[in-house]
Amino acid sequence: MSQAQKTLTITTGLAGKVSGDIIVPGDKSCSHRSIMFGSLAEGTTNVSGFLPGDDCLATMNAFKAMGIKIEGPDEQQNVVIHGKGLFGLTAPGNALNIGNSGTTIRLMSGLLAGQKFASEMAGDSSLNKRPMARVVDPLKLMGASISAAENGTPPVICQGVEEGQSLKAIHYDLPMASAQVKSCVLLAGMYANGVTSVTEPGITRDHTERMLTAFGYPVTVEDTPIGKKVSIEGGHKLTACDIQVPGDISSATFFMVAGLIAKEGELIIRNVGMNPTRIGSINILQQMNGDLTIINERMAGGEPVADVVVKSSQLKGIDVNERDVPLAIDEFPAIFIAAACAKGTTRLRGAEELRVKESDRIQAMADGLKELDIDCTVFDDGIDIVGGQLTSGTIHSHDDHRIAMSFAISSLRASGEIKILECDNVATSFPNFVTLANQVGLTLNQA
């Protein structure tokens, strides 16, 4: 694909007021898991609010390739999954193309490790650079015949287990807080003989535990002196159910920041997922003096949701509390833009996980901010950002959707045009981002 086809050009002539009443796409984490668990459940699962982004469609296509009948998503983002039970998958005819989805390849490594057939997973050029040893190593401890490339990146090749054999249960202490690694081990645990448990050193997303429970699979959670311990026993079954996917707080964060840094306006974002393991961005932005109000709190599909009212604010720099880091790990690119527009210095530490996302998000954001004349200093596990006047320039997003969308909203406070390159992957998590951004007052031109 030519560079011209991968360029999102942003102009700021109408920057200033941001206002409206919007709904962001469904939560990506929940959408992935609804397909996985629905496919492995017994019976028909109905999903509403599914995110039709490329990442989630990659998960859907992978299960279709393994014999699962899935209908949708329709115009209302409803999906119907005809599950075949834990052992109902069939061998795919070819290697599974996972696209850009790290969630898919890491969680499915756990699921495929317990199957009776061989499989192979790989993705696009960006995914194929991402580390897989973090899931391959614990799966090997469970007796899985699984491997990645010599440098620990995809493809991930799994030989499956022999007839009459099963994985063995383990206890695994996560070396770092990672919901993907935790979920991978727990999902493999469904195919293991005995109780598999994972202890996490810090809080991570608990969508897997919540949704397994919704599908009737027993999960035990307990606090220990070294962190939360999650346990699962092999041999139970998943039972089909109805899943309502909440709005994605990661997607909502771009608009929270846009509303806060705009010169004026009020924005309402509806049906935002408020899972307590995901609300770090709200905590951080409120600490930065952001005027964010949570209203209409309720439960939907086992997950807490609410509406968020955002008003233009004079933000201030803060030292980010390390307890909030794992609760906002995907939202930091947008938070970095808020920091660039704040008075004073914002300091982040304990965020080395940002180095191994779709891009090295610490370095990629720092490079972009410096291009726009914002003073920042990079550390191994974080960054210092000094608020100032954003100027104009050309940003390389490194095929990372969150880098691209973050610099798109920065146009609200820029003095000139910003051009953002390599933006294809915005569609992986937020297919209608440009349309929605223009609807609330930004001026984005896609070319």
Protein backbone atom coordinates (compact mmCIF):
# COMPACT_ATOMS: atom_id res chain seq x y z
CA MET A 1 0.00 0.00 0.00
CA SER A 2 1.39 3.42 -0.91
CA GLN A 3 2.15 5.98 1.76
CA ALA A 4 -0.53 8.28 0.31
CA GLN A 5 -3.15 5.66 1.02
CA LYS A 6 -1.93 5.40 4.59
CA THR A 7 -2.09 9.12 5.45
CA LEU A 8 -4.63 10.81 7.67
CA THR A 9 -4.27 14.56 7.21
CA ILE A 10 -5.54 16.74 10.04
CA THR A 11 -6.36 20.44 9.74
CA THR A 12 -7.24 22.65 12.69
CA GLY A 13 -9.11 25.57 11.16
CA LEU A 14 -12.30 24.87 13.12
CA ALA A 15 -10.57 23.72 16.29
CA GLY A 16 -12.03 25.19 19.45
CA LYS A 17 -15.44 23.99 20.54
CA VAL A 18 -16.18 20.33 21.13
CA SER A 19 -19.76 19.39 21.92
CA GLY A 20 -22.34 16.69 21.32
CA ASP A 21 -23.94 13.52 22.62
CA ILE A 22 -22.21 10.41 21.31
CA ILE A 23 -21.87 6.66 21.70
CA VAL A 24 -18.46 5.07 21.19
CA PRO A 25 -18.01 1.58 19.72
CA GLY A 26 -18.29 -1.55 21.85
CA ASP A 27 -15.46 -2.60 24.15
CA LYS A 28 -12.78 -4.44 22.20
CA SER A 29 -11.74 -6.72 25.08
CA CYS A 30 -15.33 -7.84 25.68
CA SER A 31 -16.03 -8.24 21.96
CA HIS A 32 -13.03 -10.56 21.51
CA ARG A 33 -14.05 -12.69 24.47
CA SER A 34 -17.71 -12.89 23.43
CA ILE A 35 -16.65 -14.58 20.19
CA MET A 36 -14.17 -16.92 21.87
CA PHE A 37 -16.43 -18.03 24.71
CA GLY A 38 -19.56 -18.10 22.57
CA SER A 39 -17.80 -20.42 20.14
CA LEU A 40 -16.72 -22.76 22.95
CA ALA A 41 -20.09 -22.68 24.70
CA GLU A 42 -22.88 -25.20 24.28
CA GLY A 43 -25.81 -23.54 22.51
CA THR A 44 -26.46 -20.21 20.79
CA THR A 45 -25.00 -16.99 22.18
CA ASN A 46 -26.46 -13.60 21.22
CA VAL A 47 -24.11 -10.60 21.43
CA SER A 48 -25.24 -6.97 21.23
CA GLY A 49 -22.96 -3.93 20.90
CA PHE A 50 -20.16 -5.92 19.21
CA LEU A 51 -17.20 -3.90 17.94
CA PRO A 52 -16.88 -4.52 14.17
CA GLY A 53 -13.24 -3.40 14.09
CA ASP A 54 -10.57 -5.33 12.24
CA ASP A 55 -9.12 -6.87 15.43
CA CYS A 56 -12.41 -8.36 16.57
CA LEU A 57 -13.28 -9.47 13.05
CA ALA A 58 -9.93 -11.30 12.99
CA THR A 59 -11.05 -13.25 16.07
CA MET A 60 -14.41 -13.98 14.44
CA ASN A 61 -12.79 -15.18 11.21
CA ALA A 62 -10.40 -17.43 13.11
CA PHE A 63 -13.28 -19.26 14.79
CA LYS A 64 -15.18 -19.47 11.51
CA ALA A 65 -12.08 -21.13 10.05
CA MET A 66 -12.32 -23.69 12.86
CA GLY A 67 -15.89 -24.66 12.02
CA ILE A 68 -17.99 -22.25 14.09
CA LYS A 69 -21.09 -20.74 12.48
CA ILE A 70 -21.31 -17.02 13.30
CA GLU A 71 -23.92 -14.60 11.95
CA GLY A 72 -23.39 -10.83 11.78
CA PRO A 73 -22.50 -8.27 12.82
CA ASP A 74 -25.63 -6.59 11.45
CA GLU A 75 -26.21 -2.82 11.27
CA GLN A 76 -27.07 -2.77 14.99
CA GLN A 77 -23.81 -4.66 15.76
CA ASN A 78 -25.61 -7.83 16.84
CA VAL A 79 -23.82 -11.17 16.47
CA VAL A 80 -25.17 -14.72 16.81
CA ILE A 81 -22.70 -17.49 17.64
CA HIS A 82 -23.62 -21.16 17.32
CA GLY A 83 -21.27 -22.73 19.86
CA LYS A 84 -20.01 -26.30 19.70
CA GLY A 85 -18.59 -26.77 23.20
CA LEU A 86 -15.01 -26.80 24.49
CA PHE A 87 -13.95 -29.58 22.14
CA GLY A 88 -16.08 -28.64 19.13
CA LEU A 89 -13.46 -26.79 17.11
CA THR A 90 -12.01 -28.42 14.00
CA ALA A 91 -8.56 -28.05 12.47
CA PRO A 92 -8.27 -24.95 10.23
CA GLY A 93 -7.33 -25.60 6.62
CA ASN A 94 -4.59 -22.96 6.68
CA ALA A 95 -2.58 -20.85 9.10
CA LEU A 96 -4.88 -18.46 10.97
CA ASN A 97 -4.37 -14.82 9.96
CA ILE A 98 -4.76 -12.78 13.15
CA GLY A 99 -4.16 -9.39 11.50
CA ASN A 100 -3.00 -6.78 14.04
CA SER A 101 -4.65 -8.28 17.13
CA GLY A 102 -2.33 -9.05 20.03
CA THR A 103 -5.32 -9.97 22.20
CA THR A 104 -6.42 -12.60 19.69
CA ILE A 105 -3.08 -14.32 19.25
CA ARG A 106 -2.22 -14.38 22.95
CA LEU A 107 -5.60 -15.57 24.27
CA MET A 108 -6.04 -18.07 21.46
CA SER A 109 -2.63 -19.53 22.22
CA GLY A 110 -4.14 -20.76 25.48
CA LEU A 111 -7.26 -22.11 23.82
CA LEU A 112 -5.43 -23.82 20.97
CA ALA A 113 -2.84 -25.38 23.30
CA GLY A 114 -5.52 -27.75 24.61
CA GLN A 115 -6.99 -28.81 21.27
CA LYS A 116 -6.49 -32.20 19.61
CA PHE A 117 -5.27 -30.64 16.33
CA ALA A 118 -2.29 -28.64 15.15
CA SER A 119 -2.58 -24.94 14.34
CA GLU A 120 -0.51 -21.94 13.35
CA MET A 121 -1.18 -18.23 13.94
CA ALA A 122 0.51 -15.17 12.45
CA GLY A 123 -0.52 -11.62 11.60
CA ASP A 124 0.50 -8.44 9.85
CA SER A 125 3.99 -6.91 9.89
CA SER A 126 3.26 -5.06 13.15
CA LEU A 127 1.88 -8.07 15.05
CA ASN A 128 4.68 -10.28 13.80
CA LYS A 129 7.18 -8.14 15.74
CA ARG A 130 5.41 -8.50 19.08
CA PRO A 131 6.70 -10.74 21.91
CA MET A 132 5.00 -14.11 22.35
CA ALA A 133 7.40 -15.80 24.79
CA ARG A 134 5.35 -14.37 27.64
CA VAL A 135 2.51 -16.76 26.71
CA VAL A 136 4.52 -19.58 25.13
CA ASP A 137 6.67 -20.11 28.26
CA PRO A 138 3.83 -20.75 30.77
CA LEU A 139 1.99 -22.91 28.24
CA LYS A 140 5.10 -25.08 27.91
CA LEU A 141 5.04 -25.48 31.70
CA MET A 142 1.54 -26.92 31.22
CA GLY A 143 2.92 -29.48 28.77
CA ALA A 144 1.81 -27.72 25.61
CA SER A 145 3.68 -28.41 22.41
CA ILE A 146 3.89 -24.78 21.32
CA SER A 147 6.57 -22.54 19.85
CA ALA A 148 7.20 -19.11 18.35
CA ALA A 149 9.95 -17.93 16.02
CA GLU A 150 13.55 -17.96 17.30
CA ASN A 151 13.28 -14.32 18.39
CA GLY A 152 10.06 -15.03 20.30
CA THR A 153 7.69 -13.43 17.79
CA PRO A 154 4.90 -14.94 15.62
CA PRO A 155 4.16 -17.27 14.00
CA VAL A 156 2.89 -19.24 17.00
CA ILE A 157 2.77 -22.95 16.15
CA CYS A 158 0.85 -25.37 18.36
CA GLN A 159 0.90 -29.12 17.79
CA GLY A 160 -2.08 -29.78 20.08
CA VAL A 161 -2.33 -32.59 22.61
CA GLU A 162 -2.40 -36.28 21.78
CA GLU A 163 -5.63 -38.24 22.01
CA GLY A 164 -6.29 -39.28 25.59
CA GLN A 165 -3.90 -36.65 26.94
CA SER A 166 -4.55 -33.23 28.43
CA LEU A 167 -2.59 -30.21 29.62
CA LYS A 168 -1.42 -30.24 33.23
CA ALA A 169 -2.57 -27.66 35.75
CA ILE A 170 0.01 -25.21 37.11
CA HIS A 171 0.26 -22.25 39.42
CA TYR A 172 1.84 -19.30 37.63
CA ASP A 173 3.12 -16.07 39.17
CA LEU A 174 2.94 -13.40 36.48
CA PRO A 175 6.33 -11.68 36.07
CA MET A 176 4.46 -8.46 35.23
CA ALA A 177 0.82 -7.42 35.36
CA SER A 178 -0.69 -8.53 32.03
CA ALA A 179 -4.35 -9.38 31.42
CA GLN A 180 -3.44 -11.12 28.16
CA VAL A 181 -0.96 -13.50 29.79
CA LYS A 182 -3.29 -14.13 32.75
CA SER A 183 -6.17 -14.89 30.38
CA CYS A 184 -4.06 -17.15 28.18
CA VAL A 185 -3.06 -19.35 31.13
CA LEU A 186 -6.59 -19.44 32.56
CA LEU A 187 -8.11 -20.41 29.19
CA ALA A 188 -5.57 -23.18 28.81
CA GLY A 189 -6.60 -24.20 32.32
CA MET A 190 -10.06 -25.15 31.02
CA TYR A 191 -8.29 -27.96 29.13
CA ALA A 192 -5.98 -28.97 31.99
CA ASN A 193 -6.27 -31.76 34.51
CA GLY A 194 -6.72 -30.08 37.89
CA VAL A 195 -6.80 -26.48 39.13
CA THR A 196 -4.77 -23.85 37.27
CA SER A 197 -4.13 -20.57 39.07
CA VAL A 198 -2.47 -17.27 38.27
CA THR A 199 -1.24 -14.66 40.74
CA GLU A 200 -0.83 -11.13 39.40
CA PRO A 201 1.57 -8.60 40.95
CA GLY A 202 -0.72 -5.69 40.08
CA ILE A 203 -4.32 -5.10 39.04
CA THR A 204 -5.16 -6.18 35.49
CA ARG A 205 -8.37 -6.28 33.49
CA ASP A 206 -10.79 -8.91 34.72
CA HIS A 207 -12.98 -9.23 31.62
CA THR A 208 -12.03 -12.89 31.23
CA GLU A 209 -13.07 -13.78 34.77
CA ARG A 210 -16.33 -11.83 34.48
CA MET A 211 -17.32 -13.31 31.14
CA LEU A 212 -16.38 -16.89 32.04
CA THR A 213 -18.70 -16.51 35.03
CA ALA A 214 -21.45 -15.15 32.75
CA PHE A 215 -21.08 -18.29 30.63
CA GLY A 216 -21.41 -20.45 33.75
CA TYR A 217 -17.77 -21.52 34.06
CA PRO A 218 -16.67 -21.39 37.74
CA VAL A 219 -13.80 -19.02 38.53
CA THR A 220 -12.31 -18.43 42.00
CA VAL A 221 -10.72 -15.09 42.91
CA GLU A 222 -8.90 -14.47 46.19
CA ASP A 223 -6.50 -11.92 47.63
CA THR A 224 -3.06 -13.13 48.71
CA PRO A 225 -0.06 -11.33 50.25
CA ILE A 226 1.61 -11.13 46.82
CA GLY A 227 -1.43 -10.19 44.73
CA LYS A 228 -4.77 -11.36 43.41
CA LYS A 229 -4.97 -15.10 42.72
CA VAL A 230 -7.38 -16.35 40.05
CA SER A 231 -8.08 -20.09 39.79
CA ILE A 232 -9.93 -22.26 37.30
CA GLU A 233 -10.52 -26.01 37.26
CA GLY A 234 -10.46 -27.99 34.05
CA GLY A 235 -13.39 -30.07 32.92
CA HIS A 236 -16.34 -27.70 33.35
CA LYS A 237 -18.39 -26.36 30.45
CA LEU A 238 -19.50 -23.04 29.01
CA THR A 239 -23.24 -22.51 28.54
CA ALA A 240 -24.53 -20.09 25.89
CA CYS A 241 -25.97 -16.78 27.12
CA ASP A 242 -26.75 -13.22 26.00
CA ILE A 243 -23.86 -10.75 26.16
CA GLN A 244 -24.30 -6.97 26.07
CA VAL A 245 -20.97 -5.34 25.23
CA PRO A 246 -20.40 -1.96 26.94
CA GLY A 247 -18.87 1.03 25.15
CA ASP A 248 -15.06 0.89 25.01
CA ILE A 249 -13.45 3.16 27.61
CA SER A 250 -10.27 3.19 25.53
CA SER A 251 -12.19 4.70 22.62
CA ALA A 252 -14.07 7.03 24.95
CA THR A 253 -10.79 8.36 26.38
CA PHE A 254 -9.89 10.04 23.08
CA PHE A 255 -13.11 12.03 23.31
CA MET A 256 -12.71 12.70 27.03
CA VAL A 257 -9.34 14.29 26.29
CA ALA A 258 -10.75 16.15 23.27
CA GLY A 259 -13.53 17.61 25.40
CA LEU A 260 -11.11 18.61 28.16
CA ILE A 261 -8.50 20.33 25.94
CA ALA A 262 -11.06 22.09 23.71
CA LYS A 263 -11.35 25.84 24.25
CA GLU A 264 -15.05 25.45 25.10
CA GLY A 265 -17.95 23.01 25.01
CA GLU A 266 -19.64 20.10 26.75
CA LEU A 267 -19.62 16.52 25.50
CA ILE A 268 -21.68 13.55 26.72
CA ILE A 269 -20.36 10.06 26.04
CA ARG A 270 -23.00 7.35 26.56
CA ASN A 271 -22.77 3.72 27.73
CA VAL A 272 -19.08 3.73 28.65
CA GLY A 273 -17.73 0.59 30.32
CA MET A 274 -16.75 1.37 33.93
CA ASN A 275 -15.01 -1.87 34.84
CA PRO A 276 -12.94 -1.02 37.95
CA THR A 277 -9.86 -2.55 36.29
CA ARG A 278 -10.17 -0.10 33.37
CA ILE A 279 -10.93 3.34 34.82
CA GLY A 280 -7.37 4.57 35.27
CA SER A 281 -7.78 7.17 32.52
CA ILE A 282 -10.72 8.76 34.36
CA ASN A 283 -8.78 8.78 37.64
CA ILE A 284 -5.75 10.39 35.99
CA LEU A 285 -7.70 13.01 34.02
CA GLN A 286 -9.68 14.02 37.10
CA GLN A 287 -6.43 14.37 39.04
CA MET A 288 -5.23 16.67 36.23
CA ASN A 289 -8.20 18.94 37.06
CA GLY A 290 -10.33 17.53 34.26
CA ASP A 291 -14.05 18.22 34.60
CA LEU A 292 -15.40 14.68 34.12
CA THR A 293 -18.72 13.71 35.71
CA ILE A 294 -19.99 10.12 35.85
CA ILE A 295 -23.79 9.81 35.67
CA ASN A 296 -26.43 7.13 35.15
CA GLU A 297 -24.35 4.27 36.56
CA ARG A 298 -25.81 0.82 35.89
CA MET A 299 -24.94 -2.81 35.06
CA ALA A 300 -25.08 -4.31 31.57
CA GLY A 301 -24.04 -7.85 30.68
CA GLY A 302 -22.13 -8.33 33.93
CA GLU A 303 -20.12 -5.13 33.41
CA PRO A 304 -20.70 -1.72 35.04
CA VAL A 305 -21.48 1.09 32.58
CA ALA A 306 -22.24 4.82 32.88
CA ASP A 307 -22.44 8.05 30.91
CA VAL A 308 -19.58 10.57 31.08
CA VAL A 309 -20.08 14.34 30.91
CA VAL A 310 -16.93 16.20 29.78
CA LYS A 311 -16.39 19.97 29.98
CA SER A 312 -13.51 22.14 28.76
CA SER A 313 -10.92 22.39 31.54
CA GLN A 314 -7.62 24.03 32.48
CA LEU A 315 -5.53 20.92 33.03
CA LYS A 316 -2.49 20.71 35.31
CA GLY A 317 0.52 18.41 35.21
CA ILE A 318 0.71 15.62 37.80
CA ASP A 319 2.86 12.71 38.90
CA VAL A 320 0.80 9.73 37.71
CA ASN A 321 0.08 7.31 40.55
CA GLU A 322 1.68 3.96 39.66
CA ARG A 323 -1.45 2.20 40.94
CA ASP A 324 -3.33 3.73 38.00
CA VAL A 325 -0.81 2.60 35.37
CA PRO A 326 -2.21 -0.91 34.70
CA LEU A 327 -5.75 0.53 34.83
CA ALA A 328 -4.94 2.91 31.96
CA ILE A 329 -2.26 1.09 29.99
CA ASP A 330 -4.01 1.41 26.60
CA GLU A 331 -5.14 4.99 27.22
CA PHE A 332 -1.75 6.60 27.84
CA PRO A 333 -1.22 7.90 24.28
CA ALA A 334 -4.37 10.04 24.70
CA ILE A 335 -3.35 10.99 28.26
CA PHE A 336 0.03 12.16 26.88
CA ILE A 337 -1.87 14.66 24.71
CA ALA A 338 -3.71 15.92 27.79
CA ALA A 339 -0.31 16.30 29.49
CA ALA A 340 1.03 18.28 26.52
CA CYS A 341 -1.90 20.71 26.94
CA ALA A 342 -1.62 20.96 30.73
CA LYS A 343 0.14 23.58 32.80
CA GLY A 344 3.34 22.17 34.30
CA THR A 345 4.99 18.76 34.03
CA THR A 346 3.33 15.35 33.98
CA ARG A 347 5.53 12.44 35.07
CA LEU A 348 4.83 8.76 34.34
CA ARG A 349 6.81 5.80 35.70
CA GLY A 350 6.19 2.05 35.96
CA ALA A 351 4.82 1.84 32.40
CA GLU A 352 7.41 -0.35 30.67
CA GLU A 353 4.50 -2.39 29.22
CA LEU A 354 3.94 0.53 26.80
CA ARG A 355 7.20 -0.44 25.10
CA VAL A 356 5.72 -3.69 23.70
CA LYS A 357 2.31 -2.60 22.41
CA GLU A 358 1.53 -2.18 18.67
CA SER A 359 4.51 0.15 18.76
CA ASP A 360 6.90 1.40 21.42
CA ARG A 361 4.27 3.87 22.57
CA ILE A 362 6.55 5.80 24.89
CA GLN A 363 9.09 6.52 22.15
CA ALA A 364 6.51 6.98 19.38
CA MET A 365 4.55 9.53 21.41
CA ALA A 366 7.74 11.32 22.49
CA ASP A 367 8.91 11.59 18.89
CA GLY A 368 5.55 13.00 17.83
CA LEU A 369 5.34 15.46 20.71
CA LYS A 370 8.85 16.74 19.98
CA GLU A 371 7.85 17.21 16.33
CA LEU A 372 5.09 19.50 17.63
CA ASP A 373 7.61 21.37 19.85
CA ILE A 374 6.55 19.85 23.17
CA ASP A 375 9.38 19.29 25.63
CA CYS A 376 9.55 15.71 26.92
CA THR A 377 12.11 13.33 28.38
CA VAL A 378 11.97 9.56 27.87
CA PHE A 379 12.81 6.98 30.54
CA ASP A 380 12.92 3.18 30.33
CA ASP A 381 9.56 2.90 32.08
CA GLY A 382 7.95 6.27 31.44
CA ILE A 383 8.16 9.87 30.32
CA ASP A 384 8.13 13.47 31.57
CA ILE A 385 5.98 15.83 29.48
CA VAL A 386 6.10 19.61 29.92
CA GLY A 387 2.88 21.28 28.81
CA GLY A 388 3.18 23.92 26.11
CA GLN A 389 1.94 25.12 22.73
CA LEU A 390 1.54 22.40 20.14
CA THR A 391 2.70 23.55 16.72
CA SER A 392 2.48 21.76 13.36
CA GLY A 393 4.31 18.87 11.79
CA THR A 394 4.28 15.35 10.36
CA ILE A 395 3.73 12.44 12.74
CA HIS A 396 4.69 8.81 12.14
CA SER A 397 2.12 6.62 13.91
CA HIS A 398 4.09 3.40 13.20
CA ASP A 399 0.87 1.64 12.15
CA ASP A 400 -0.42 2.10 15.72
CA HIS A 401 -4.07 3.11 15.86
CA ARG A 402 -3.83 4.73 19.30
CA ILE A 403 -0.85 6.88 18.30
CA ALA A 404 -2.76 8.05 15.24
CA MET A 405 -5.98 8.90 17.11
CA SER A 406 -4.09 10.65 19.91
CA PHE A 407 -2.37 13.06 17.56
CA ALA A 408 -5.68 13.55 15.73
CA ILE A 409 -7.25 15.02 18.87
CA SER A 410 -4.11 17.07 19.55
CA SER A 411 -5.14 19.17 16.55
CA LEU A 412 -7.59 20.94 18.86
CA ARG A 413 -4.69 22.81 20.45
CA ALA A 414 -2.20 22.95 17.57
CA SER A 415 -1.19 26.19 15.87
CA GLY A 416 -1.08 24.62 12.41
CA GLU A 417 -1.76 21.53 10.34
CA ILE A 418 -0.74 18.11 11.58
CA LYS A 419 -0.23 15.27 9.11
CA ILE A 420 -0.35 11.76 10.54
CA LEU A 421 1.09 8.88 8.52
CA GLU A 422 0.35 5.12 8.56
CA CYS A 423 -3.23 5.29 9.84
CA ASP A 424 -4.74 2.14 8.35
CA ASN A 425 -5.00 0.47 11.75
CA VAL A 426 -7.38 3.05 13.18
CA ALA A 427 -10.02 0.68 11.83
CA THR A 428 -8.79 -2.08 14.15
CA SER A 429 -10.47 -0.53 17.18
CA PHE A 430 -12.52 2.49 16.08
CA PRO A 431 -13.91 2.20 12.54
CA ASN A 432 -15.96 5.43 12.69
CA PHE A 433 -13.40 7.56 14.56
CA VAL A 434 -13.00 10.21 11.86
CA THR A 435 -16.76 10.57 11.35
CA LEU A 436 -17.45 10.88 15.07
CA ALA A 437 -14.58 13.32 15.62
CA ASN A 438 -15.84 15.60 12.87
CA GLN A 439 -19.36 15.32 14.31
CA VAL A 440 -18.30 16.84 17.66
CA GLY A 441 -16.21 19.68 16.20
CA LEU A 442 -12.81 18.48 15.00
CA THR A 443 -11.72 18.83 11.38
CA LEU A 444 -10.15 15.61 10.14
CA ASN A 445 -9.58 14.83 6.49
CA GLN A 446 -8.69 11.28 5.55
CA ALA A 447 -6.74 10.61 2.39
